[in-house]
Amino acid sequence: MSSPFKGTTICAVRKNGVTAIAGDGQVTMGEHTIFKTTAKKVRRLYNGEVAVGFAGSVADAFALCEKFEEQLQKTGGNLEKAAVALAQTWRGDQAMRQLESMMIAANRDRLLILSGTGEVIDPDEGIAAIGSGGNYALAAARALMQNTDLPAPEIAEKALHIAASICVYTNDNITVETL
């Protein structure tokens, strides 16, 4: 059963040794109601060394963030090992399998997409986007990366503004975390 809450666009960009994750603040209930405009869906974990952005059910995303931070602690902050461990647990645990969320996780060196079906994806071109407006943000970020000299934080933020101008489940109340 899918959650009645929709909304969120997360976009992450790695460029010139800098990683930025941007997320909008909209939570939508059903098809017609904006429930909240100032949700913060991008946060730092593991002493600020890792940034995550999540899309999907907010309660599920918080549960995943807690599980991911536990894995980061167990692996000494190794992003890849923590991501694989979370994906294995997420896919293998019956209760966690019900969580409806996706996550982008990054440190200074890596950028990964994690999903409940067990995927841990290292995206092409150092660009990742998830959520309702993810495809719009991804296209915008790729165009900005290929055709401008903007730094990663500006590309991520501008991609979210473009997605917000197209996707009704995305707003322009944007949070950006930079590593």
Protein backbone atom coordinates (compact mmCIF):
# COMPACT_ATOMS: atom_id res chain seq x y z
CA MET A 1 0.00 0.00 0.00
CA SER A 2 1.44 3.37 -0.91
CA SER A 3 1.64 6.25 1.51
CA PRO A 4 -0.86 9.12 1.14
CA PHE A 5 2.09 11.53 1.57
CA LYS A 6 3.94 12.46 -1.61
CA GLY A 7 6.43 15.02 -2.57
CA THR A 8 10.08 15.72 -2.36
CA THR A 9 12.83 16.11 -4.83
CA ILE A 10 16.42 15.44 -3.88
CA CYS A 11 19.33 16.19 -6.20
CA ALA A 12 23.01 15.52 -5.53
CA VAL A 13 25.98 16.69 -7.56
CA ARG A 14 29.72 15.88 -7.30
CA LYS A 15 32.03 18.25 -9.13
CA ASN A 16 35.67 19.19 -8.64
CA GLY A 17 35.93 17.37 -5.31
CA VAL A 18 32.81 19.00 -3.85
CA THR A 19 29.54 17.19 -3.23
CA ALA A 20 26.24 18.97 -2.66
CA ILE A 21 22.84 17.49 -1.85
CA ALA A 22 19.78 19.70 -2.25
CA GLY A 23 16.22 18.92 -1.21
CA ASP A 24 12.93 20.77 -1.35
CA GLY A 25 10.62 21.22 1.61
CA GLN A 26 7.22 20.07 0.36
CA VAL A 27 5.18 17.23 1.80
CA THR A 28 1.92 16.58 -0.03
CA MET A 29 -1.04 14.65 1.36
CA GLY A 30 -3.08 12.87 -1.27
CA GLU A 31 -3.26 14.42 -4.69
CA HIS A 32 -4.41 17.92 -3.79
CA THR A 33 -3.13 19.15 -0.44
CA ILE A 34 0.23 20.61 0.49
CA PHE A 35 0.68 19.37 4.03
CA LYS A 36 3.97 21.09 4.84
CA THR A 37 6.27 23.44 2.92
CA THR A 38 9.31 23.58 5.20
CA ALA A 39 10.27 19.94 5.78
CA LYS A 40 14.02 19.36 5.96
CA LYS A 41 14.85 16.22 4.00
CA VAL A 42 18.59 16.72 3.72
CA ARG A 43 20.75 16.19 6.77
CA ARG A 44 24.23 15.33 7.94
CA LEU A 45 25.21 12.12 9.69
CA TYR A 46 28.35 10.63 11.20
CA ASN A 47 29.85 13.78 12.72
CA GLY A 48 28.94 15.80 9.64
CA GLU A 49 31.09 13.68 7.30
CA VAL A 50 28.11 12.15 5.45
CA ALA A 51 25.11 13.91 3.96
CA VAL A 52 21.85 12.19 3.09
CA GLY A 53 18.70 13.24 1.31
CA PHE A 54 15.55 11.16 1.37
CA ALA A 55 12.33 10.92 -0.57
CA GLY A 56 9.19 9.04 0.37
CA SER A 57 7.42 8.62 3.66
CA VAL A 58 8.99 10.94 6.22
CA ALA A 59 8.66 8.51 9.12
CA ASP A 60 10.17 5.74 7.00
CA ALA A 61 13.00 8.01 5.91
CA PHE A 62 13.84 8.89 9.52
CA ALA A 63 13.91 5.20 10.39
CA LEU A 64 16.27 4.58 7.48
CA CYS A 65 18.52 7.46 8.50
CA GLU A 66 18.82 6.00 11.99
CA LYS A 67 19.64 2.54 10.58
CA PHE A 68 22.13 4.06 8.16
CA GLU A 69 23.86 6.02 10.90
CA GLU A 70 24.15 2.79 12.93
CA GLN A 71 25.83 1.16 9.94
CA LEU A 72 28.17 4.14 9.54
CA GLN A 73 29.17 3.76 13.19
CA LYS A 74 29.79 0.01 12.74
CA THR A 75 31.91 0.54 9.62
CA GLY A 76 33.93 3.47 10.93
CA GLY A 77 32.28 5.83 8.47
CA ASN A 78 32.87 3.70 5.37
CA LEU A 79 30.07 4.93 3.12
CA GLU A 80 30.08 1.99 0.70
CA LYS A 81 30.12 -0.70 3.39
CA ALA A 82 27.42 1.07 5.40
CA ALA A 83 25.26 1.49 2.28
CA VAL A 84 25.56 -2.17 1.29
CA ALA A 85 24.84 -3.29 4.86
CA LEU A 86 21.76 -1.05 5.00
CA ALA A 87 20.53 -2.29 1.61
CA GLN A 88 20.94 -5.92 2.70
CA THR A 89 19.07 -5.31 5.94
CA TRP A 90 16.42 -3.21 4.19
CA ARG A 91 15.76 -5.92 1.63
CA GLY A 92 16.05 -8.85 4.02
CA ASP A 93 14.12 -7.63 7.05
CA GLN A 94 10.36 -8.11 6.71
CA ALA A 95 9.48 -4.96 8.68
CA MET A 96 12.04 -2.80 6.87
CA ARG A 97 10.87 -4.07 3.49
CA GLN A 98 7.66 -2.15 4.11
CA LEU A 99 9.50 1.17 4.34
CA GLU A 100 8.60 3.46 1.44
CA SER A 101 11.58 5.66 0.88
CA MET A 102 14.73 6.18 -1.16
CA MET A 103 17.94 7.80 -0.07
CA ILE A 104 20.94 9.53 -1.57
CA ALA A 105 24.03 9.30 0.61
CA ALA A 106 27.35 11.02 0.03
CA ASN A 107 30.68 11.81 1.56
CA ARG A 108 33.53 13.82 0.05
CA ASP A 109 34.51 10.93 -2.23
CA ARG A 110 31.36 9.01 -3.15
CA LEU A 111 27.74 9.55 -4.08
CA LEU A 112 25.27 6.65 -3.82
CA ILE A 113 21.55 6.01 -4.32
CA LEU A 114 19.98 3.44 -1.96
CA SER A 115 16.61 1.80 -2.45
CA GLY A 116 14.46 -0.73 -0.63
CA THR A 117 14.87 -3.26 -3.39
CA GLY A 118 18.50 -3.70 -2.45
CA GLU A 119 20.15 -1.40 -4.96
CA VAL A 120 23.20 0.63 -4.10
CA ILE A 121 23.86 2.68 -7.23
CA ASP A 122 26.91 4.81 -8.00
CA PRO A 123 25.31 7.19 -10.52
CA ASP A 124 26.82 8.29 -13.81
CA GLU A 125 28.38 11.71 -14.18
CA GLY A 126 28.33 12.37 -10.42
CA ILE A 127 24.67 13.36 -10.51
CA ALA A 128 21.77 11.67 -8.71
CA ALA A 129 18.14 12.64 -8.20
CA ILE A 130 15.19 10.93 -6.54
CA GLY A 131 11.62 11.72 -5.61
CA SER A 132 8.61 13.15 -7.36
CA GLY A 133 10.56 15.69 -9.35
CA GLY A 134 13.72 13.59 -9.58
CA ASN A 135 13.69 13.17 -13.34
CA TYR A 136 13.26 16.92 -13.86
CA ALA A 137 16.08 17.72 -11.44
CA LEU A 138 18.33 15.08 -13.00
CA ALA A 139 17.83 16.49 -16.50
CA ALA A 140 18.41 20.03 -15.28
CA ALA A 141 21.55 19.09 -13.32
CA ARG A 142 23.00 17.23 -16.31
CA ALA A 143 22.39 20.22 -18.57
CA LEU A 144 23.92 22.61 -16.05
CA MET A 145 26.92 20.32 -15.49
CA GLN A 146 27.59 20.00 -19.23
CA ASN A 147 26.98 23.61 -20.21
CA THR A 148 28.10 25.81 -17.32
CA ASP A 149 31.04 26.28 -14.97
CA LEU A 150 28.77 26.47 -11.91
CA PRO A 151 30.00 24.71 -8.76
CA ALA A 152 28.21 21.64 -7.39
CA PRO A 153 26.07 23.47 -4.76
CA GLU A 154 24.73 25.93 -7.33
CA ILE A 155 23.98 23.17 -9.85
CA ALA A 156 22.07 21.15 -7.23
CA GLU A 157 20.09 24.18 -6.07
CA LYS A 158 19.28 25.44 -9.58
CA ALA A 159 18.21 21.92 -10.61
CA LEU A 160 15.75 21.89 -7.68
CA HIS A 161 14.37 25.30 -8.66
CA ILE A 162 13.82 24.02 -12.20
CA ALA A 163 12.10 20.86 -10.88
CA ALA A 164 9.92 23.03 -8.61
CA SER A 165 8.77 25.04 -11.62
CA ILE A 166 7.54 21.81 -13.29
CA CYS A 167 6.59 19.30 -10.57
CA VAL A 168 3.55 20.07 -8.41
CA TYR A 169 5.00 17.90 -5.61
CA THR A 170 8.18 20.00 -5.37
CA ASN A 171 8.58 23.49 -3.93
CA ASP A 172 11.38 26.02 -3.93
CA ASN A 173 12.07 25.95 -0.19
CA ILE A 174 15.47 24.36 -0.73
CA THR A 175 18.04 23.07 1.72
CA VAL A 176 21.59 22.39 0.49
CA GLU A 177 24.29 20.48 2.36
CA THR A 178 27.81 20.69 0.95
CA LEU A 179 30.74 18.38 1.63
